[in-house]
Protein backbone atom coordinates (compact mmCIF):
# COMPACT_ATOMS: atom_id res chain seq x y z
CA MET A 1 52.42 -88.35 33.10
CA ALA A 2 53.73 -85.69 35.49
CA SER A 3 50.44 -85.62 37.41
CA ILE A 4 50.56 -89.39 37.90
CA TYR A 5 53.85 -89.25 39.76
CA ALA A 6 52.93 -86.07 41.63
CA ASN A 7 49.65 -87.50 42.93
CA ALA A 8 50.82 -91.04 43.73
CA GLU A 9 51.00 -92.03 47.39
CA LEU A 10 54.23 -93.94 46.82
CA ASN A 11 56.52 -94.49 43.84
CA LEU A 12 58.87 -97.47 43.54
CA ALA A 13 62.20 -96.88 41.79
CA ALA A 14 64.28 -99.70 40.29
CA THR A 15 67.33 -97.54 40.97
CA ALA A 16 69.99 -100.18 40.28
CA SER A 17 68.35 -101.63 37.16
CA TYR A 18 69.64 -100.90 33.68
CA ASN A 19 66.37 -101.86 31.99
CA SER A 20 62.84 -103.08 32.69
CA ASP A 21 63.91 -106.74 32.58
CA GLN A 22 66.07 -106.49 35.72
CA GLY A 23 63.25 -105.57 38.10
CA CYS A 24 63.58 -104.47 41.73
CA ILE A 25 65.70 -107.27 43.16
CA VAL A 26 67.86 -106.35 46.14
CA ASP A 27 70.79 -108.65 46.93
CA SER A 28 71.55 -108.07 50.62
CA SER A 29 74.72 -110.12 50.31
CA LEU A 30 76.22 -107.17 48.42
CA ALA A 31 75.77 -104.90 51.44
CA ARG A 32 78.96 -103.85 53.12
CA GLN A 33 79.37 -104.19 56.85
CA HIS A 34 80.24 -100.85 58.45
CA ARG A 35 82.18 -100.45 61.65
CA ILE A 36 80.35 -97.95 63.84
CA SER A 37 80.60 -96.74 67.43
CA ILE A 38 77.87 -96.86 70.09
CA TYR A 39 77.72 -94.17 72.76
CA ASP A 40 75.71 -94.03 76.00
CA HIS A 41 75.45 -90.27 75.56
CA GLN A 42 74.97 -87.69 72.84
CA ILE A 43 78.07 -87.18 70.72
CA ASP A 44 79.60 -83.98 69.41
CA THR A 45 78.21 -83.61 65.89
CA CYS A 46 80.80 -80.92 65.06
CA ASP A 47 83.37 -83.67 64.59
CA ASP A 48 84.65 -83.61 61.00
CA ASP A 49 84.59 -87.38 60.59
CA VAL A 50 81.38 -88.57 62.26
CA ASP A 51 77.70 -87.71 62.39
CA ALA A 52 75.23 -88.56 65.11
CA GLY A 53 73.07 -91.33 63.74
CA VAL A 54 70.01 -93.02 65.19
CA SER A 55 69.25 -92.72 68.91
CA GLY A 56 67.22 -95.54 70.38
CA ASN A 57 67.32 -99.01 71.95
CA PHE A 58 69.96 -101.40 70.64
CA LEU A 59 70.97 -104.94 71.52
CA SER A 60 74.59 -104.80 72.63
CA GLU A 61 76.63 -108.01 72.89
CA SER A 62 79.25 -108.38 75.59
CA PRO A 63 82.60 -109.48 74.07
CA GLU A 64 83.42 -111.58 77.14
CA SER A 65 80.20 -113.51 77.71
CA GLY A 66 78.47 -113.21 74.38
CA ASN A 67 75.28 -112.27 76.20
CA GLY A 68 73.24 -109.38 74.82
CA ARG A 69 71.50 -106.61 76.72
CA LEU A 70 69.20 -103.83 75.66
CA LYS A 71 70.63 -100.34 76.02
CA THR A 72 69.78 -96.82 74.94
CA ALA A 73 72.53 -95.37 72.82
CA THR A 74 73.51 -93.14 69.93
CA LEU A 75 75.22 -94.55 66.85
CA ALA A 76 78.17 -92.56 65.51
CA MET A 77 78.15 -92.83 61.73
CA PRO A 78 81.37 -92.17 59.79
CA ARG A 79 80.51 -89.22 57.55
CA HIS A 80 81.94 -90.84 54.42
CA LEU A 81 79.25 -93.55 54.61
CA LYS A 82 76.52 -90.98 53.96
CA LYS A 83 78.45 -89.49 51.08
CA ASN A 84 78.97 -92.94 49.57
CA ILE A 85 75.24 -93.71 49.55
CA HIS A 86 74.31 -90.38 47.96
CA ALA A 87 77.11 -90.71 45.41
CA ALA A 88 75.89 -94.21 44.52
CA LEU A 89 72.40 -92.81 43.91
CA LYS A 90 73.70 -90.11 41.60
CA ILE A 91 75.61 -92.57 39.41
CA SER A 92 72.97 -95.31 39.47
CA PRO A 93 71.60 -96.46 36.09
CA LEU A 94 68.17 -94.96 36.76
CA SER A 95 69.64 -91.54 37.64
CA LYS A 96 71.20 -91.25 34.18
CA ARG A 97 67.84 -91.30 32.39
CA GLY A 98 66.27 -87.99 31.39
CA TRP A 99 62.62 -88.84 32.02
CA VAL A 100 63.37 -90.08 35.55
CA LEU A 101 64.41 -86.69 36.95
CA GLN A 102 60.93 -85.25 36.46
CA GLU A 103 59.38 -88.36 37.94
CA SER A 104 61.61 -88.29 41.03
CA LEU A 105 61.27 -84.56 41.72
CA LEU A 106 57.49 -84.59 41.47
CA SER A 107 57.05 -87.73 43.57
CA ARG A 108 55.99 -87.24 47.17
CA ARG A 109 57.56 -90.47 48.41
CA ILE A 110 60.03 -92.87 46.79
CA VAL A 111 61.37 -96.26 47.77
CA HIS A 112 64.68 -96.87 45.98
CA PHE A 113 65.62 -100.47 45.23
CA THR A 114 69.42 -100.30 45.13
CA ALA A 115 71.74 -103.24 44.57
CA SER A 116 72.16 -103.94 48.29
CA GLN A 117 69.36 -102.24 50.27
CA LEU A 118 66.20 -100.13 50.22
CA LEU A 119 66.26 -96.33 50.60
CA TRP A 120 63.34 -94.11 51.57
CA GLU A 121 63.15 -90.57 50.17
CA CYS A 122 60.61 -87.81 50.71
CA SER A 123 60.60 -84.08 51.43
CA GLU A 124 60.73 -84.81 55.18
CA CYS A 125 63.54 -87.34 55.46
CA PHE A 126 65.98 -89.66 53.77
CA GLU A 127 66.41 -93.10 55.40
CA SER A 128 68.57 -96.07 54.50
CA GLU A 129 67.80 -99.64 55.46
CA ASP A 130 71.14 -100.05 57.25
CA GLY A 131 70.59 -96.95 59.40
CA VAL A 132 73.51 -94.98 57.99
CA LEU A 133 71.14 -92.35 56.60
CA SER A 134 68.54 -91.01 58.96
CA GLY A 135 67.01 -87.56 59.20
CA ARG A 136 66.12 -84.63 57.00
CA PRO A 137 67.49 -84.56 53.44
CA GLU A 138 70.55 -82.40 52.93
CA THR A 139 70.61 -79.73 50.22
CA GLY A 140 71.87 -81.03 46.90
CA PHE A 141 71.96 -84.70 47.91
CA THR A 142 68.67 -85.61 46.29
CA ASP A 143 69.32 -84.25 42.80
CA GLY A 144 67.34 -81.06 43.24
CA ARG A 145 64.46 -82.33 45.39
CA ILE A 146 62.66 -79.38 46.96
CA CYS A 147 64.35 -78.48 50.24
CA GLU A 148 63.63 -75.60 52.57
CA GLY A 149 65.93 -72.59 52.43
CA ARG A 150 66.81 -72.93 48.73
CA ASP A 151 66.33 -69.98 46.43
CA ASP A 152 63.84 -70.85 43.67
CA GLN A 153 66.17 -69.90 40.84
CA ILE A 154 69.17 -71.67 42.32
CA ARG A 155 66.99 -74.76 42.74
CA TRP A 156 65.88 -74.41 39.13
CA TRP A 157 69.45 -74.32 37.84
CA ASP A 158 70.34 -77.28 40.06
CA THR A 159 67.68 -79.13 38.11
CA VAL A 160 68.84 -77.82 34.71
CA GLU A 161 72.44 -78.89 35.26
CA ASP A 162 71.35 -82.36 36.35
CA TYR A 163 68.79 -82.75 33.56
CA SER A 164 71.06 -81.55 30.76
CA ASN A 165 73.60 -84.30 31.50
CA ARG A 166 71.05 -87.12 31.39
CA GLU A 167 70.43 -89.52 28.53
CA PHE A 168 67.49 -89.91 26.15
CA THR A 169 66.68 -92.73 23.79
CA PHE A 170 64.88 -90.19 21.60
CA ILE A 171 66.40 -86.71 21.70
CA LYS A 172 63.05 -85.13 20.79
CA ASP A 173 61.87 -86.08 24.30
CA ARG A 174 64.29 -83.51 25.73
CA LEU A 175 61.49 -80.93 25.69
CA ALA A 176 58.63 -83.21 26.69
CA ALA A 177 60.40 -84.61 29.77
CA MET A 178 60.86 -81.07 31.07
CA GLY A 179 57.17 -80.11 30.98
CA GLY A 180 56.20 -81.26 34.47
CA MET A 181 59.18 -79.57 36.15
CA ILE A 182 58.50 -76.30 34.30
CA GLN A 183 54.86 -76.37 35.41
CA GLU A 184 55.87 -77.02 39.03
CA HIS A 185 58.34 -74.14 39.01
CA LYS A 186 55.80 -71.87 37.33
CA GLN A 187 53.29 -72.48 40.11
CA ARG A 188 55.90 -71.99 42.80
CA SER A 189 57.53 -68.84 41.37
CA MET A 190 54.48 -67.28 39.67
CA ASP A 191 56.78 -66.55 36.72
CA THR A 192 56.38 -67.03 32.95
CA PRO A 193 58.39 -69.88 31.38
CA LEU A 194 60.34 -69.24 28.18
CA LEU A 195 61.65 -72.63 27.05
CA GLY A 196 63.73 -73.41 30.12
CA LEU A 197 64.37 -69.75 31.00
CA TRP A 198 62.13 -67.38 32.99
CA LEU A 199 60.72 -63.98 32.08
CA ARG A 200 61.45 -62.26 35.41
CA TYR A 201 65.13 -63.21 35.25
CA PHE A 202 65.51 -63.54 31.49
CA PHE A 203 68.38 -61.03 31.50
CA LEU A 204 70.27 -63.32 33.91
CA ASP A 205 69.16 -66.69 32.52
CA LEU A 206 70.49 -65.91 29.03
CA ALA A 207 74.04 -66.12 30.44
CA TRP A 208 73.99 -69.96 30.58
CA SER A 209 76.92 -71.72 28.93
CA TYR A 210 78.13 -75.14 27.88
CA ASP A 211 79.52 -77.36 30.61
CA ALA A 212 83.02 -78.13 29.36
CA THR A 213 83.20 -81.11 31.77
CA SER A 214 80.20 -82.77 30.13
CA GLU A 215 80.92 -86.12 28.48
CA ARG A 216 79.18 -84.94 25.29
CA TYR A 217 80.87 -81.52 25.12
CA GLY A 218 83.69 -82.46 22.73
CA SER A 219 81.48 -83.97 20.04
CA GLU A 220 78.64 -81.48 20.47
CA ILE A 221 80.63 -78.38 19.56
CA LYS A 222 81.97 -79.95 16.40
CA SER A 223 78.60 -81.04 15.03
CA THR A 224 75.75 -79.21 13.38
CA ARG A 225 72.40 -78.73 15.09
CA ILE A 226 70.46 -81.94 15.59
CA THR A 227 67.44 -82.16 13.26
CA GLU A 228 64.96 -82.97 16.04
CA LEU A 229 65.92 -79.72 17.82
CA ASP A 230 65.92 -77.45 14.76
CA THR A 231 62.86 -75.52 15.94
CA VAL A 232 64.29 -74.85 19.42
CA PRO A 233 65.70 -71.30 19.44
CA SER A 234 69.42 -70.82 19.99
CA TRP A 235 68.87 -68.68 23.12
CA SER A 236 67.38 -71.66 25.00
CA TRP A 237 69.69 -74.25 26.59
CA LEU A 238 67.18 -76.87 25.39
CA SER A 239 68.61 -76.36 21.88
CA ILE A 240 71.78 -78.30 22.74
CA THR A 241 72.37 -81.90 23.76
CA SER A 242 75.44 -81.35 25.90
CA GLY A 243 75.59 -80.49 29.59
CA VAL A 244 74.65 -76.95 30.64
CA LYS A 245 76.40 -74.72 33.17
CA ARG A 246 74.33 -72.21 35.14
CA PRO A 247 75.01 -68.47 34.91
CA GLY A 248 77.58 -67.50 37.54
CA VAL A 249 75.04 -65.28 39.33
CA TYR A 250 73.22 -68.45 40.42
CA SER A 251 76.12 -69.86 42.38
CA VAL A 252 74.93 -71.01 45.81
CA GLY A 253 74.90 -68.10 48.23
CA CYS A 254 75.54 -65.48 45.55
CA HIS A 255 72.14 -64.97 43.97
CA ASN A 256 70.59 -61.59 44.66
CA PRO A 257 68.95 -60.08 41.56
CA ASP A 258 68.98 -56.62 43.12
CA ARG A 259 72.77 -56.61 42.90
CA TYR A 260 72.64 -56.55 39.10
CA SER A 261 71.75 -53.60 36.93
CA LYS A 262 69.15 -54.88 34.47
CA HIS A 263 69.47 -53.47 30.98
CA LEU A 264 67.88 -56.06 28.71
CA ALA A 265 64.17 -55.39 28.15
CA VAL A 266 61.88 -58.13 26.80
CA GLN A 267 59.31 -56.53 24.51
CA ARG A 268 57.36 -59.63 23.55
CA TRP A 269 57.79 -63.29 22.68
CA ASN A 270 56.27 -65.79 20.29
CA ILE A 271 56.43 -69.46 21.27
CA ARG A 272 54.10 -71.74 19.30
CA TRP A 273 53.40 -75.45 19.68
CA SER A 274 51.43 -77.77 17.42
CA GLY A 275 49.35 -78.80 20.44
CA ALA A 276 49.81 -78.77 24.22
CA PRO A 277 53.06 -77.04 25.32
CA TYR A 278 55.99 -79.46 25.71
CA ALA A 279 53.73 -82.44 24.96
CA SER A 280 53.68 -81.61 21.23
CA PRO A 281 56.29 -80.48 18.68
CA LEU A 282 57.58 -76.91 18.98
CA LEU A 283 56.81 -74.90 15.84
CA HIS A 284 58.54 -71.60 16.55
CA GLY A 285 60.29 -69.69 19.33
CA GLU A 286 61.47 -66.10 19.29
CA VAL A 287 61.95 -63.26 21.77
CA ILE A 288 62.10 -59.56 20.88
CA VAL A 289 64.44 -57.60 23.15
CA THR A 290 65.88 -54.09 23.42
CA ASN A 291 69.30 -53.17 24.77
CA HIS A 292 72.73 -51.70 24.11
CA MET A 293 74.44 -53.52 21.28
CA ALA A 294 77.83 -53.26 19.57
CA LYS A 295 80.06 -55.13 17.20
CA VAL A 296 82.98 -56.95 18.81
CA PRO A 297 85.97 -54.58 18.61
CA LYS A 298 88.92 -55.58 16.50
CA ALA A 299 91.44 -57.46 18.60
CA SER A 300 94.99 -56.28 19.05
CA SER A 301 95.87 -59.68 20.49
CA VAL A 302 94.24 -63.07 21.05
CA CYS A 303 95.30 -65.10 24.07
CA ARG A 304 93.98 -68.39 22.74
CA GLY A 305 93.25 -69.63 19.24
CA LEU A 306 90.02 -68.64 17.53
CA ASN A 307 88.85 -72.26 17.57
CA THR A 308 89.48 -72.76 21.30
CA LEU A 309 86.21 -72.60 23.11
CA ASN A 310 86.38 -72.53 26.86
CA PRO A 311 87.29 -69.71 26.92
CA TRP A 312 89.40 -67.60 24.64
CA PHE A 313 90.34 -64.03 25.48
CA LEU A 314 90.27 -60.97 23.28
CA ALA A 315 92.20 -57.77 24.09
CA GLU A 316 90.87 -54.51 22.61
CA HIS A 317 93.24 -51.74 21.54
CA ASN A 318 92.67 -49.60 24.64
CA GLY A 319 93.29 -52.47 27.05
CA ALA A 320 89.80 -53.93 27.52
CA SER A 321 89.80 -57.74 27.73
CA MET A 322 86.79 -59.94 27.07
CA SER A 323 86.29 -63.57 28.07
CA PHE A 324 84.24 -65.61 25.61
CA PHE A 325 82.44 -68.90 26.28
CA MET A 326 81.21 -70.00 22.88
CA ASP A 327 78.45 -72.48 22.03
CA ARG A 328 80.21 -73.70 18.90
CA ARG A 329 83.20 -73.10 16.72
CA LEU A 330 83.04 -69.97 14.59
CA THR A 331 84.72 -69.33 11.26
CA LYS A 332 87.00 -66.31 10.92
CA GLU A 333 84.29 -64.66 8.85
CA GLU A 334 81.78 -65.17 11.65
CA TRP A 335 84.15 -63.65 14.19
CA MET A 336 84.31 -60.56 12.01
CA ASP A 337 80.51 -60.28 12.08
CA LEU A 338 80.04 -61.01 15.80
CA TYR A 339 77.92 -58.67 17.96
CA LEU A 340 77.53 -58.21 21.70
CA LEU A 341 74.16 -57.61 23.36
CA LEU A 342 74.35 -56.28 26.93
CA LEU A 343 72.50 -58.47 29.45
CA PHE A 344 73.34 -56.94 32.85
CA ILE A 345 76.06 -55.22 34.85
CA GLY A 346 77.23 -56.31 38.29
CA LYS A 347 80.90 -56.43 39.09
CA ALA A 348 81.36 -56.88 35.35
CA GLN A 349 79.45 -56.51 32.10
CA ARG A 350 77.77 -59.68 30.87
CA CYS A 351 76.85 -59.88 27.20
CA LEU A 352 75.24 -62.30 24.78
CA ALA A 353 77.37 -63.05 21.70
CA VAL A 354 75.11 -63.10 18.63
CA LEU A 355 75.37 -63.43 14.86
CA PRO A 356 72.90 -61.94 12.34
CA VAL A 357 70.68 -64.39 10.49
CA PRO A 358 71.63 -64.23 6.79
CA GLY A 359 69.35 -61.87 4.90
CA CYS A 360 67.92 -60.32 8.10
CA THR A 361 69.04 -57.03 9.65
CA THR A 362 67.18 -57.35 12.96
CA THR A 363 67.18 -61.12 13.61
CA TYR A 364 70.06 -62.79 15.46
CA ARG A 365 71.14 -66.17 16.81
CA ARG A 366 73.00 -66.76 20.04
CA VAL A 367 76.50 -68.27 19.68
CA GLY A 368 77.86 -67.75 23.20
CA VAL A 369 78.36 -65.37 26.12
CA ALA A 370 81.02 -62.81 26.96
CA ALA A 371 82.23 -61.00 30.08
CA PHE A 372 84.22 -57.82 30.73
CA GLY A 373 86.23 -57.37 33.91
CA VAL A 374 85.60 -54.55 36.39
CA ILE A 375 88.48 -52.41 35.10
CA ASP A 376 87.63 -53.14 31.49
CA THR A 377 84.07 -51.87 31.93
CA HIS A 378 85.48 -48.33 31.87
CA ALA A 379 87.74 -49.05 28.91
CA PHE A 380 84.96 -50.50 26.77
CA SER A 381 81.53 -49.59 28.10
CA MET A 382 78.47 -51.15 26.49
CA LEU A 383 76.40 -48.34 28.00
CA ASP A 384 78.03 -46.00 25.47
CA LYS A 385 76.69 -48.07 22.59
CA PRO A 386 73.31 -47.38 20.98
CA LYS A 387 70.22 -49.38 21.94
CA ARG A 388 68.65 -51.65 19.36
CA THR A 389 65.52 -53.77 19.24
CA ILE A 390 66.23 -57.19 17.76
CA THR A 391 64.62 -60.61 17.47
CA LEU A 392 66.45 -63.58 19.01
CA VAL A 393 65.73 -66.93 17.38
């Protein structure tokens, strides 16, 4: 399916339709009339409120005589009009569907049928029928569409955050609908995919967390794992149905892997499918890693309750504080058996919070992430803890 959209000359999107019965009908009577200014000269595009729009020949009507004349001019577009169109695209019915993200990102050209007008989208430009949008696409406006100047990993996590908040009729499709985007990123980055994470930056990617602003966050953390996702390992964000938040190192303008001291070493991995990857059921997924590991120190004080998730803080006896962002609620017994696995060190230590699988001494499941502040790194250093080789499932 991914190759169909990627190789098509043009894809038509029923952007405003809630289902296949509504079609691609555009009601131009719903279009708003915008008040714009026409200039005989180029305008200052540094103005906070307006953008230079289309330059060309326009028919201008004289207020006194009503007669029109052709003139060359530049339209000044109020900046909020552009934002309104992009915002409408993001909240459109079609943009809420999980399968559609892959289809839109892989498409070379798209014509959007919105409620009031047509929109043209491609890697070269974004045009609206009313002329408000005209020119090259702006970063982030097109839900992750490939734009020049974007770091590959930041672009990937743009896609993950968007995708993880979309809806699926069948939750098992959560893996399948990601296959085309993973293949595209693999070819672009020349990296090895590990169920939504990447081998080269695995030590950074593991620091993903729940998006507490996600509509499904509240119910997700209270429920058990969904049966259809039982075989998806806990270390992959594809194992949850709530929104995902990127690791902080992938914030726009901040990503530079060389800044971070890599400590987690991936020894090998075992990801098995019943057939073609992502197009068939996942049978098993595990990664064997080596790094410094320690049990969570006994707390002298807890800033927030043990069942509060985003986040709660733990203060160690010598003053080290740890911020926890947990994937689910833990029992008091689980807190007592919680371990930290060092991922990387930048301005702070970042760790994976893991619990041992019952009956196994070297197999662990992810239950969240933790961070130590700059000062606390000296008070409680993971580098002083012994290295262990464990299996993450």
